Amino acid sequence: MGGVVNIITKKGAANTATAGIGNSGQHHYAGSVGDDRLAITYDFLQWKHGVDVSKSDVTSRGKVIGSTKTTVSGIEKRAIGLTYQLNPQLSFLYQYLDTRDTYARWVTSPETYAGQLYNARSYKKQRHIAQLNYDDGVYRGGLYFNSGTVVSVGPSNFSAAMKPTPDSFYQTREKNITCGLDLQRKWNLAAGTNLIAGMDWQRESFERLPAHSTTVKQAGSYSRNNWGIFAQLTHDFTPKDTGILGMRETWTSGANDDQNYHNFSASGQWLHRMDKENNWYVNIAQSFIMPKFAQIYGASQQAVPAEHLKPQKGINYELGWKQNHGAHEWRLALFHMDIDDNIAASWNSAKSDYTYANEDFRNTGLELSDKISTSGSMSYHWGITWQNPEIRASSKGYWDRKYGRLQLTGGASYRSGKLTSTLDASYLGYRVQAPTQEHSYAIKPYLLTTWNTIYQPDDRQKITLTVNNLLDRHDIISHSTSRYYCAPASYMLNYTYQF
């Protein structure tokens, strides 16, 4: 996407210790120590017991011959981090992430095999993230190195044709490395005029490592370089009018099979301040997004590599109005987007696998929202989006509906003394599921809810209670033919002490 992203890392760390417990075998432990220059953090989250996450059909030659449900259990997430401020301009960051979980797929029909394990996959994912960042207010730069490995292993007790396959073993291993450089400079050309320009380079590599697997037997190594130069000019034409122009040239080199691309994209924005309370703006921006290596060369059993996936190109239009009046913060926006070769996952029910494919995407809609701050202990927010998202896949050749047309969001917060409590909800209606080969069809809306309460008895202590899916709804949250469900109602109670 065109534009400049400004990431400001938090300096220093509070000395804290956190312990938490929740349902479904949830445990949470965290801590941080440090001063204004050095900070070390640790976080551990565990979810022992299994919960249902999806249901799917087993098909053969276009016929449904069975069904299964999938549960996830044994979730563990660990994170260790270190930040060090070498001087006021230069900082270093390192983080290690370790995630483990197990997905088990159980036969629900036919009755002959009901209750038996269809297959199981235990995943182990490890990541290392390192960054060296410089910022003196004029020059900004960063060096980064990220590496990650993913290992999956487990039995496959049934074939795609619903036939028992005793002692069938499955395993995949992959490694990803990304390193890069980002440099930019800011010029204050005149009063009300500034320019930001820079370049970036990223080296990506992916290795499909040898594994004892019935699916992935061949190792493979892939890499490419991503290059970019960009500039953004901001100018105040009048005390009430500001224009922003952005440009970016992107290209790749060294890709396998010479699959290299280049693209020039631009963006423009005009902001008009009507008075102290009202502003309106218009924004037009082109986009260019390369496919990820995980989409092109993915090594999992159900993900079919899509090596000839094309990048997606699009243009986005937005006309908006903002008003801050009294207790209200009003926002209104009319938008339209057209994306060629949008990258989307395409599910093949006959083979029970998916691949990423290109499809055209368009959407037109209207957004309206309001934040309300009262003089009392209550505050509110609400929003409504009416849209018409559509896709045109090569397998269909016509525009078909996708996602949902109506989205409602809202929430209320209560603050009194040492207690703060917030309830948020998101509703998506007029939904459809979009099969790869058939017309989309209507499905029921979903309603996601979260309740969060914080009690601080003093400056050193904090008690937090978070409840997700407060209404314990069993809603489908996916938009293709697969049926992925939101997790059942869960709570987590944390106690934090600052020393």
Protein backbone atom coordinates (compact mmCIF):
# COMPACT_ATOMS: atom_id res chain seq x y z
CA MET A 1 0.00 0.00 0.00
CA GLY A 2 1.17 3.53 -0.61
CA GLY A 3 2.03 5.62 2.45
CA VAL A 4 4.46 5.96 5.32
CA VAL A 5 4.15 3.93 8.51
CA ASN A 6 5.49 5.45 11.74
CA ILE A 7 6.11 2.87 14.48
CA ILE A 8 7.00 4.25 17.91
CA THR A 9 8.26 1.61 20.34
CA LYS A 10 7.60 1.97 24.05
CA LYS A 11 10.73 2.96 25.95
CA GLY A 12 11.47 1.41 29.32
CA ALA A 13 9.31 -1.03 31.21
CA ALA A 14 7.46 -1.18 34.48
CA ASN A 15 8.60 -3.85 36.95
CA THR A 16 5.54 -6.07 37.11
CA ALA A 17 4.46 -9.63 37.78
CA THR A 18 1.17 -11.11 36.48
CA ALA A 19 -0.63 -14.37 37.21
CA GLY A 20 -3.95 -15.41 35.71
CA ILE A 21 -6.39 -18.31 35.52
CA GLY A 22 -9.42 -19.05 33.36
CA ASN A 23 -11.75 -21.79 32.21
CA SER A 24 -10.81 -24.61 29.79
CA GLY A 25 -7.47 -25.02 31.57
CA GLN A 26 -6.28 -21.48 30.86
CA HIS A 27 -3.22 -20.14 32.70
CA HIS A 28 -1.32 -16.91 32.21
CA TYR A 29 2.01 -15.82 33.71
CA ALA A 30 3.93 -12.70 32.75
CA GLY A 31 6.60 -10.40 34.08
CA SER A 32 8.77 -7.46 33.12
CA VAL A 33 11.83 -5.83 34.66
CA GLY A 34 13.85 -2.89 33.49
CA ASP A 35 14.62 0.79 33.61
CA ASP A 36 14.64 3.65 31.10
CA ARG A 37 17.23 1.88 28.92
CA LEU A 38 16.90 -1.88 29.41
CA ALA A 39 13.71 -3.93 29.58
CA ILE A 40 13.20 -7.71 29.73
CA THR A 41 9.75 -9.28 29.40
CA TYR A 42 8.29 -12.78 29.62
CA ASP A 43 4.78 -13.98 28.80
CA PHE A 44 3.26 -17.47 28.96
CA LEU A 45 -0.30 -18.40 28.00
CA GLN A 46 -1.76 -21.90 28.16
CA TRP A 47 -5.13 -23.34 27.06
CA LYS A 48 -5.15 -27.05 27.95
CA HIS A 49 -8.63 -28.36 27.22
CA GLY A 50 -10.01 -28.91 23.74
CA VAL A 51 -12.72 -26.80 22.10
CA ASP A 52 -14.54 -27.32 18.80
CA VAL A 53 -13.27 -25.02 16.07
CA SER A 54 -14.77 -26.32 12.82
CA LYS A 55 -16.93 -28.84 10.99
CA SER A 56 -16.35 -30.07 7.47
CA ASP A 57 -17.65 -32.63 4.99
CA VAL A 58 -15.63 -35.44 3.42
CA THR A 59 -16.39 -35.73 -0.28
CA SER A 60 -15.40 -38.17 -2.99
CA ARG A 61 -16.12 -37.66 -6.70
CA GLY A 62 -18.43 -34.78 -5.87
CA LYS A 63 -20.45 -36.74 -3.26
CA VAL A 64 -20.50 -36.18 0.48
CA ILE A 65 -19.45 -39.49 2.06
CA GLY A 66 -18.93 -38.36 5.64
CA SER A 67 -18.42 -35.47 8.03
CA THR A 68 -15.89 -34.52 10.69
CA LYS A 69 -15.37 -32.02 13.48
CA THR A 70 -12.05 -30.50 14.54
CA THR A 71 -10.94 -29.59 18.06
CA VAL A 72 -7.88 -27.66 19.22
CA SER A 73 -6.14 -28.32 22.53
CA GLY A 74 -2.80 -28.09 24.28
CA ILE A 75 -2.26 -24.47 23.23
CA GLU A 76 0.89 -22.92 24.66
CA LYS A 77 2.35 -19.53 23.77
CA ARG A 78 5.66 -18.24 25.13
CA ALA A 79 7.30 -14.91 24.44
CA ILE A 80 10.62 -13.57 25.73
CA GLY A 81 11.61 -10.04 24.83
CA LEU A 82 14.48 -7.62 25.33
CA THR A 83 14.77 -3.95 24.41
CA TYR A 84 17.84 -1.81 24.94
CA GLN A 85 18.20 1.92 24.31
CA LEU A 86 21.85 2.33 23.33
CA ASN A 87 21.49 6.13 23.13
CA PRO A 88 18.62 8.58 22.59
CA GLN A 89 18.59 7.80 18.85
CA LEU A 90 19.52 4.12 18.65
CA SER A 91 17.60 1.16 20.10
CA PHE A 92 17.77 -2.64 19.85
CA LEU A 93 14.88 -5.12 20.13
CA TYR A 94 14.87 -8.92 20.32
CA GLN A 95 11.93 -11.29 20.79
CA TYR A 96 11.61 -15.07 20.88
CA LEU A 97 8.18 -16.64 20.29
CA ASP A 98 7.24 -20.29 20.78
CA THR A 99 3.73 -21.58 19.99
CA ARG A 100 2.45 -25.16 20.26
CA ASP A 101 -1.00 -26.62 19.67
CA THR A 102 -2.74 -29.80 18.54
CA TYR A 103 -5.65 -30.10 16.11
CA ALA A 104 -7.61 -33.36 16.21
CA ARG A 105 -10.21 -34.18 13.55
CA TRP A 106 -12.92 -36.68 14.58
CA VAL A 107 -15.36 -38.62 12.41
CA THR A 108 -19.01 -37.72 13.08
CA SER A 109 -20.52 -39.73 10.18
CA PRO A 110 -21.00 -42.36 8.83
CA GLU A 111 -21.94 -44.23 11.99
CA THR A 112 -19.49 -47.02 11.11
CA TYR A 113 -16.57 -44.77 12.00
CA ALA A 114 -18.28 -42.18 14.22
CA GLY A 115 -16.12 -41.14 17.17
CA GLN A 116 -12.86 -42.34 15.59
CA LEU A 117 -9.87 -40.08 15.03
CA TYR A 118 -9.71 -39.03 11.35
CA ASN A 119 -6.31 -37.37 11.71
CA ALA A 120 -4.32 -35.23 14.14
CA ARG A 121 -1.69 -32.53 13.75
CA SER A 122 0.63 -31.19 16.44
CA TYR A 123 2.27 -27.90 15.47
CA LYS A 124 5.43 -26.34 16.87
CA LYS A 125 6.26 -22.81 15.70
CA GLN A 126 9.36 -20.90 16.79
CA ARG A 127 10.29 -17.35 15.76
CA HIS A 128 13.23 -15.03 16.38
CA ILE A 129 12.77 -11.28 15.78
CA ALA A 130 15.62 -8.76 15.97
CA GLN A 131 15.60 -5.05 15.11
CA LEU A 132 18.08 -2.18 15.29
CA ASN A 133 16.30 1.19 14.92
CA TYR A 134 17.65 4.73 14.53
CA ASP A 135 15.67 7.97 14.72
CA ASP A 136 17.00 11.48 15.28
CA GLY A 137 13.93 13.38 14.06
CA VAL A 138 15.35 13.87 10.55
CA TYR A 139 16.81 10.51 9.59
CA ARG A 140 15.09 7.24 10.42
CA GLY A 141 16.37 3.77 9.66
CA GLY A 142 16.02 0.19 10.67
CA LEU A 143 17.75 -3.16 10.24
CA TYR A 144 15.79 -6.32 10.97
CA PHE A 145 16.18 -10.08 10.90
CA ASN A 146 13.30 -12.53 11.42
CA SER A 147 13.48 -16.31 11.29
CA GLY A 148 10.85 -18.93 11.91
CA THR A 149 10.44 -22.70 11.80
CA VAL A 150 7.21 -24.71 11.67
CA VAL A 151 7.01 -28.44 12.32
CA SER A 152 3.80 -30.46 12.12
CA VAL A 153 3.41 -34.14 12.87
CA GLY A 154 0.60 -36.62 13.46
CA PRO A 155 -1.30 -39.72 12.35
CA SER A 156 -3.66 -39.93 9.36
CA ASN A 157 -6.10 -42.72 10.18
CA PHE A 158 -8.36 -42.21 7.14
CA SER A 159 -7.78 -41.44 3.47
CA ALA A 160 -9.61 -38.77 1.49
CA ALA A 161 -11.98 -41.54 0.33
CA MET A 162 -12.91 -42.29 3.98
CA LYS A 163 -10.96 -45.56 4.06
CA PRO A 164 -8.97 -46.60 7.16
CA THR A 165 -5.21 -46.16 6.73
CA PRO A 166 -3.54 -47.77 9.76
CA ASP A 167 -0.09 -46.54 10.74
CA SER A 168 -0.14 -43.69 8.20
CA PHE A 169 2.23 -41.00 9.44
CA TYR A 170 2.38 -37.35 8.42
CA GLN A 171 5.05 -34.70 8.96
CA THR A 172 6.12 -31.38 7.43
CA ARG A 173 8.98 -29.03 8.27
CA GLU A 174 9.66 -25.56 6.94
CA LYS A 175 11.92 -22.61 7.67
CA ASN A 176 11.41 -18.93 6.83
CA ILE A 177 13.95 -16.10 7.01
CA THR A 178 13.30 -12.41 6.34
CA CYS A 179 15.90 -9.68 6.68
CA GLY A 180 15.84 -6.13 5.49
CA LEU A 181 16.71 -2.47 5.63
CA ASP A 182 14.45 0.59 5.78
CA LEU A 183 15.82 4.15 5.40
CA GLN A 184 14.04 7.49 5.17
CA ARG A 185 14.68 11.21 5.60
CA LYS A 186 12.40 14.13 6.37
CA TRP A 187 12.82 17.63 4.90
CA ASN A 188 10.97 20.74 6.11
CA LEU A 189 11.03 22.55 2.78
CA ALA A 190 9.05 25.60 3.91
CA ALA A 191 6.40 26.61 6.39
CA GLY A 192 3.59 24.10 5.94
CA THR A 193 5.56 21.95 3.46
CA ASN A 194 7.52 18.79 4.22
CA LEU A 195 8.84 15.84 2.27
CA ILE A 196 9.58 12.29 3.40
CA ALA A 197 11.56 10.04 1.04
CA GLY A 198 13.38 6.78 1.40
CA MET A 199 14.06 3.25 0.27
CA ASP A 200 13.63 -0.26 1.60
CA TRP A 201 15.00 -3.70 0.81
CA GLN A 202 13.80 -7.07 2.03
CA ARG A 203 15.26 -10.51 1.43
CA GLU A 204 12.84 -13.43 1.82
CA SER A 205 13.73 -17.11 1.84
CA PHE A 206 11.67 -20.24 2.35
CA GLU A 207 12.89 -23.80 2.80
CA ARG A 208 10.69 -26.87 2.64
CA LEU A 209 12.81 -29.19 4.77
CA PRO A 210 13.01 -32.98 4.33
CA ALA A 211 10.34 -34.82 6.34
CA HIS A 212 8.92 -38.32 6.73
CA SER A 213 5.61 -37.56 5.09
CA THR A 214 3.20 -39.13 2.66
CA THR A 215 2.51 -35.68 1.23
CA VAL A 216 5.71 -33.64 1.21
CA LYS A 217 8.67 -35.82 0.22
CA GLN A 218 10.80 -33.31 -1.64
CA ALA A 219 12.77 -30.54 -0.06
CA GLY A 220 12.88 -27.14 -1.74
CA SER A 221 14.46 -23.73 -1.31
CA TYR A 222 13.04 -20.43 -2.60
CA SER A 223 14.02 -16.79 -2.24
CA ARG A 224 13.51 -13.28 -3.64
CA ASN A 225 14.48 -9.65 -3.04
CA ASN A 226 11.83 -6.96 -2.59
CA TRP A 227 12.91 -3.39 -3.37
CA GLY A 228 11.14 -0.08 -2.98
CA ILE A 229 11.69 3.66 -3.21
CA PHE A 230 9.02 6.04 -1.93
CA ALA A 231 8.23 9.68 -1.28
CA GLN A 232 5.43 11.61 0.40
CA LEU A 233 4.91 15.37 0.02
CA THR A 234 2.63 17.33 2.37
CA HIS A 235 1.72 20.96 1.63
CA ASP A 236 -0.64 23.44 3.29
CA PHE A 237 -2.18 25.31 0.35
CA THR A 238 -4.22 27.54 2.64
CA PRO A 239 -4.75 27.64 6.41
CA LYS A 240 -7.73 25.36 5.80
CA ASP A 241 -6.50 23.13 2.96
CA THR A 242 -3.79 20.46 3.05
CA GLY A 243 -2.74 18.16 0.23
CA ILE A 244 -0.72 14.95 0.52
CA LEU A 245 0.86 13.17 -2.46
CA GLY A 246 2.56 9.78 -2.13
CA MET A 247 4.46 7.71 -4.69
CA ARG A 248 6.15 4.32 -4.58
CA GLU A 249 8.06 2.16 -7.04
CA THR A 250 8.23 -1.53 -6.09
CA TRP A 251 10.10 -4.34 -7.81
CA THR A 252 11.52 -7.78 -7.09
CA SER A 253 14.68 -9.59 -8.16
CA GLY A 254 16.17 -13.05 -7.84
CA ALA A 255 12.82 -14.85 -7.68
CA ASN A 256 12.51 -18.52 -8.65
CA ASP A 257 11.60 -19.17 -12.30
CA ASP A 258 12.20 -15.46 -12.91
CA GLN A 259 8.81 -14.59 -11.38
CA ASN A 260 9.76 -10.96 -10.85
CA TYR A 261 7.38 -8.01 -10.81
CA HIS A 262 7.50 -4.24 -10.76
CA ASN A 263 4.84 -1.64 -10.08
CA PHE A 264 4.41 2.12 -9.65
CA SER A 265 1.65 3.24 -7.29
CA ALA A 266 0.49 6.64 -6.10
CA SER A 267 -1.86 8.10 -3.54
CA GLY A 268 -3.39 11.51 -2.99
CA GLN A 269 -5.36 13.08 -0.16
CA TRP A 270 -7.03 16.46 0.29
CA LEU A 271 -8.09 17.69 3.73
CA HIS A 272 -10.31 20.75 4.18
CA ARG A 273 -10.93 22.26 7.62
CA MET A 274 -14.39 23.79 7.42
CA ASP A 275 -14.34 25.22 10.96
CA LYS A 276 -13.11 24.26 14.43
CA GLU A 277 -15.46 21.28 14.57
CA ASN A 278 -15.80 20.06 10.98
CA ASN A 279 -13.40 18.59 8.42
CA TRP A 280 -13.90 16.77 5.17
CA TYR A 281 -11.38 14.80 3.13
CA VAL A 282 -11.01 12.87 -0.11
CA ASN A 283 -8.49 10.08 -0.57
CA ILE A 284 -7.50 8.11 -3.69
CA ALA A 285 -4.83 5.44 -3.38
CA GLN A 286 -3.43 2.66 -5.51
CA SER A 287 -2.28 -0.59 -3.91
CA PHE A 288 0.16 -3.34 -4.85
CA ILE A 289 0.64 -6.43 -2.68
CA MET A 290 2.95 -9.33 -3.46
CA PRO A 291 1.86 -12.88 -2.58
CA LYS A 292 3.48 -14.27 0.54
CA PHE A 293 5.80 -17.25 0.40
CA ALA A 294 3.42 -19.18 2.64
CA GLN A 295 0.78 -18.79 -0.09
CA ILE A 296 3.10 -19.74 -2.93
CA TYR A 297 5.13 -22.57 -1.39
CA GLY A 298 3.21 -23.64 1.74
CA ALA A 299 4.17 -27.10 2.97
CA SER A 300 1.14 -28.21 5.01
CA GLN A 301 -1.02 -31.18 4.05
CA GLN A 302 -4.14 -29.18 3.19
CA ALA A 303 -2.41 -26.16 1.62
CA VAL A 304 -1.63 -26.77 -2.05
CA PRO A 305 1.28 -24.61 -3.30
CA ALA A 306 0.23 -21.87 -5.74
CA GLU A 307 3.59 -21.07 -7.32
CA HIS A 308 2.15 -18.91 -10.13
CA LEU A 309 0.07 -16.68 -7.87
CA LYS A 310 0.06 -13.09 -9.18
CA PRO A 311 0.33 -9.92 -7.07
CA GLN A 312 -2.84 -7.98 -6.43
CA LYS A 313 -3.33 -4.44 -7.72
CA GLY A 314 -6.12 -2.11 -6.76
CA ILE A 315 -7.41 1.40 -6.36
CA ASN A 316 -9.31 2.73 -3.37
CA TYR A 317 -11.53 5.83 -3.18
CA GLU A 318 -12.80 7.44 0.01
CA LEU A 319 -14.77 10.62 0.74
CA GLY A 320 -15.22 11.44 4.40
CA TRP A 321 -16.44 13.95 6.97
CA LYS A 322 -15.37 14.35 10.61
CA GLN A 323 -17.03 16.43 13.31
CA ASN A 324 -16.11 16.87 16.97
CA HIS A 325 -19.07 18.61 18.56
CA GLY A 326 -19.74 18.66 22.28
CA ALA A 327 -19.70 15.11 23.60
CA HIS A 328 -19.81 13.56 20.10
CA GLU A 329 -17.07 12.51 17.67
CA TRP A 330 -18.89 11.86 14.37
CA ARG A 331 -17.26 10.07 11.43
CA LEU A 332 -18.86 9.49 8.00
CA ALA A 333 -17.15 7.90 4.99
CA LEU A 334 -18.23 6.77 1.52
CA PHE A 335 -15.80 4.29 -0.04
CA HIS A 336 -15.28 2.21 -3.16
CA MET A 337 -12.47 -0.24 -3.97
CA ASP A 338 -11.54 -2.24 -7.06
CA ILE A 339 -8.84 -4.91 -6.73
CA ASP A 340 -7.55 -7.00 -9.63
CA ASP A 341 -6.13 -10.44 -8.80
CA ASN A 342 -7.12 -10.23 -5.14
CA ILE A 343 -5.40 -13.12 -3.29
CA ALA A 344 -7.91 -15.41 -1.58
CA ALA A 345 -7.99 -18.96 -0.24
CA SER A 346 -9.99 -21.33 -2.46
CA TRP A 347 -11.35 -24.52 -0.80
CA ASN A 348 -11.68 -27.75 -2.79
CA SER A 349 -14.27 -29.86 -0.99
CA ALA A 350 -13.66 -32.86 -3.28
CA LYS A 351 -10.04 -33.11 -2.14
CA SER A 352 -10.41 -31.52 1.31
CA ASP A 353 -7.62 -29.07 0.61
CA TYR A 354 -7.24 -25.42 -0.34
CA THR A 355 -5.02 -23.28 -2.48
CA TYR A 356 -4.59 -19.55 -2.84
CA ALA A 357 -5.94 -18.15 -6.06
CA ASN A 358 -6.41 -14.78 -7.72
CA GLU A 359 -9.89 -13.30 -8.03
CA ASP A 360 -11.20 -9.81 -8.71
CA PHE A 361 -12.77 -8.02 -5.76
CA ARG A 362 -14.89 -4.88 -5.47
CA ASN A 363 -16.78 -3.21 -2.67
CA THR A 364 -18.82 -0.04 -2.24
CA GLY A 365 -20.16 1.13 1.06
CA LEU A 366 -20.94 3.75 3.67
CA GLU A 367 -19.60 3.97 7.24
CA LEU A 368 -21.05 6.07 10.07
CA SER A 369 -19.80 6.09 13.65
CA ASP A 370 -20.01 8.15 16.83
CA LYS A 371 -18.08 8.24 20.11
CA ILE A 372 -19.98 9.79 23.00
CA SER A 373 -18.25 11.06 26.13
CA THR A 374 -20.51 12.18 28.95
CA SER A 375 -19.77 14.25 32.04
CA GLY A 376 -20.70 11.25 34.16
CA SER A 377 -19.21 7.80 34.52
CA MET A 378 -20.54 6.41 31.20
CA SER A 379 -19.19 6.65 27.65
CA TYR A 380 -20.45 4.99 24.47
CA HIS A 381 -19.52 4.24 20.89
CA TRP A 382 -21.43 2.82 17.95
CA GLY A 383 -20.93 2.34 14.23
CA ILE A 384 -22.72 1.06 11.16
CA THR A 385 -21.35 -0.08 7.80
CA TRP A 386 -23.50 -0.88 4.77
CA GLN A 387 -21.53 -2.39 1.90
CA ASN A 388 -21.71 -4.69 -1.09
CA PRO A 389 -18.53 -6.84 -1.31
CA GLU A 390 -18.35 -8.98 -4.47
CA ILE A 391 -15.83 -11.33 -6.10
CA ARG A 392 -15.31 -12.64 -9.62
CA ALA A 393 -13.29 -15.84 -9.63
CA SER A 394 -12.00 -17.57 -12.76
CA SER A 395 -14.02 -20.66 -11.80
CA LYS A 396 -17.27 -18.65 -11.91
CA GLY A 397 -16.87 -15.87 -14.46
CA TYR A 398 -19.51 -13.65 -12.84
CA TRP A 399 -19.72 -11.28 -9.88
CA ASP A 400 -20.87 -13.05 -6.74
CA ARG A 401 -21.50 -11.84 -3.21
CA LYS A 402 -19.03 -12.39 -0.37
CA TYR A 403 -18.78 -11.67 3.37
CA GLY A 404 -21.71 -9.63 4.75
CA ARG A 405 -23.51 -6.42 3.86
CA LEU A 406 -24.38 -5.00 7.27
CA GLN A 407 -21.95 -4.54 10.14
CA LEU A 408 -22.97 -3.01 13.47
CA THR A 409 -20.49 -2.26 16.23
CA GLY A 410 -21.11 -0.76 19.63
CA GLY A 411 -20.01 -0.59 23.20
CA ALA A 412 -20.37 1.09 26.56
CA SER A 413 -17.79 1.90 29.23
CA TYR A 414 -18.32 2.59 32.92
CA ARG A 415 -15.66 4.33 34.98
CA SER A 416 -15.99 5.11 38.67
CA GLY A 417 -13.07 5.54 41.01
CA LYS A 418 -10.93 2.41 40.88
CA LEU A 419 -13.26 0.46 38.59
CA THR A 420 -13.46 0.49 34.79
CA SER A 421 -15.74 -1.87 32.85
CA THR A 422 -16.28 -2.06 29.08
CA LEU A 423 -18.65 -4.12 26.95
CA ASP A 424 -18.09 -4.35 23.16
CA ALA A 425 -20.10 -6.12 20.46
CA SER A 426 -19.81 -6.68 16.70
CA TYR A 427 -22.66 -7.92 14.49
CA LEU A 428 -22.34 -8.98 10.85
CA GLY A 429 -25.58 -9.56 8.98
CA TYR A 430 -26.85 -10.33 5.47
CA ARG A 431 -23.96 -12.80 5.29
CA VAL A 432 -23.14 -15.37 2.62
CA GLN A 433 -20.76 -18.26 2.23
CA ALA A 434 -19.06 -18.35 -1.16
CA PRO A 435 -18.15 -21.80 -2.54
CA THR A 436 -15.44 -21.97 -5.18
CA GLN A 437 -17.61 -23.49 -7.93
CA GLU A 438 -21.18 -22.49 -6.94
CA HIS A 439 -23.26 -19.41 -6.20
CA SER A 440 -22.97 -17.94 -2.73
CA TYR A 441 -25.74 -18.75 -0.30
CA ALA A 442 -27.09 -17.03 2.82
CA ILE A 443 -26.00 -17.99 6.34
CA LYS A 444 -27.00 -16.64 9.73
CA PRO A 445 -25.40 -13.48 11.17
CA TYR A 446 -22.74 -13.62 13.82
CA LEU A 447 -22.54 -11.60 17.04
CA LEU A 448 -19.17 -11.35 18.82
CA THR A 449 -19.06 -9.92 22.34
CA THR A 450 -16.28 -9.05 24.81
CA TRP A 451 -16.55 -7.79 28.38
CA ASN A 452 -13.47 -6.38 30.13
CA THR A 453 -13.31 -5.12 33.73
CA ILE A 454 -10.32 -3.59 35.54
CA TYR A 455 -10.16 -2.90 39.27
CA GLN A 456 -7.15 -1.06 40.72
CA PRO A 457 -7.19 -1.06 44.53
CA ASP A 458 -4.02 1.09 44.56
CA ASP A 459 -1.20 2.28 42.30
CA ARG A 460 0.64 -1.04 42.52
CA GLN A 461 -2.15 -3.57 42.02
CA LYS A 462 -4.51 -4.32 39.14
CA ILE A 463 -7.14 -7.04 38.75
CA THR A 464 -8.45 -7.71 35.24
CA LEU A 465 -11.35 -9.92 34.19
CA THR A 466 -11.88 -10.55 30.46
CA VAL A 467 -14.82 -12.56 29.10
CA ASN A 468 -14.88 -13.43 25.40
CA ASN A 469 -18.06 -14.55 23.61
CA LEU A 470 -20.10 -13.40 26.58
CA LEU A 471 -23.34 -14.80 25.11
CA ASP A 472 -21.69 -18.18 24.39
CA ARG A 473 -22.87 -18.19 20.76
CA HIS A 474 -21.81 -20.97 18.38
CA ASP A 475 -21.48 -18.71 15.35
CA ILE A 476 -19.74 -19.56 12.08
CA ILE A 477 -17.08 -16.91 11.45
CA SER A 478 -15.68 -18.21 8.12
CA HIS A 479 -16.96 -17.13 4.71
CA SER A 480 -16.18 -20.11 2.46
CA THR A 481 -17.70 -23.60 2.47
CA SER A 482 -15.68 -24.63 5.53
CA ARG A 483 -17.37 -23.94 8.86
CA TYR A 484 -15.08 -22.39 11.44
CA TYR A 485 -16.68 -21.42 14.75
CA CYS A 486 -15.86 -18.77 17.30
CA ALA A 487 -14.53 -20.20 20.53
CA PRO A 488 -17.13 -20.81 23.27
CA ALA A 489 -17.51 -18.40 26.18
CA SER A 490 -14.23 -18.10 28.07
CA TYR A 491 -12.90 -15.96 30.89
CA MET A 492 -9.45 -14.99 32.12
CA LEU A 493 -8.79 -13.43 35.54
CA ASN A 494 -5.39 -11.73 35.92
CA TYR A 495 -3.69 -10.15 38.91
CA THR A 496 -0.77 -7.75 38.30
CA TYR A 497 1.56 -6.30 40.92
CA GLN A 498 3.99 -3.48 40.18
CA PHE A 499 7.10 -3.31 42.33
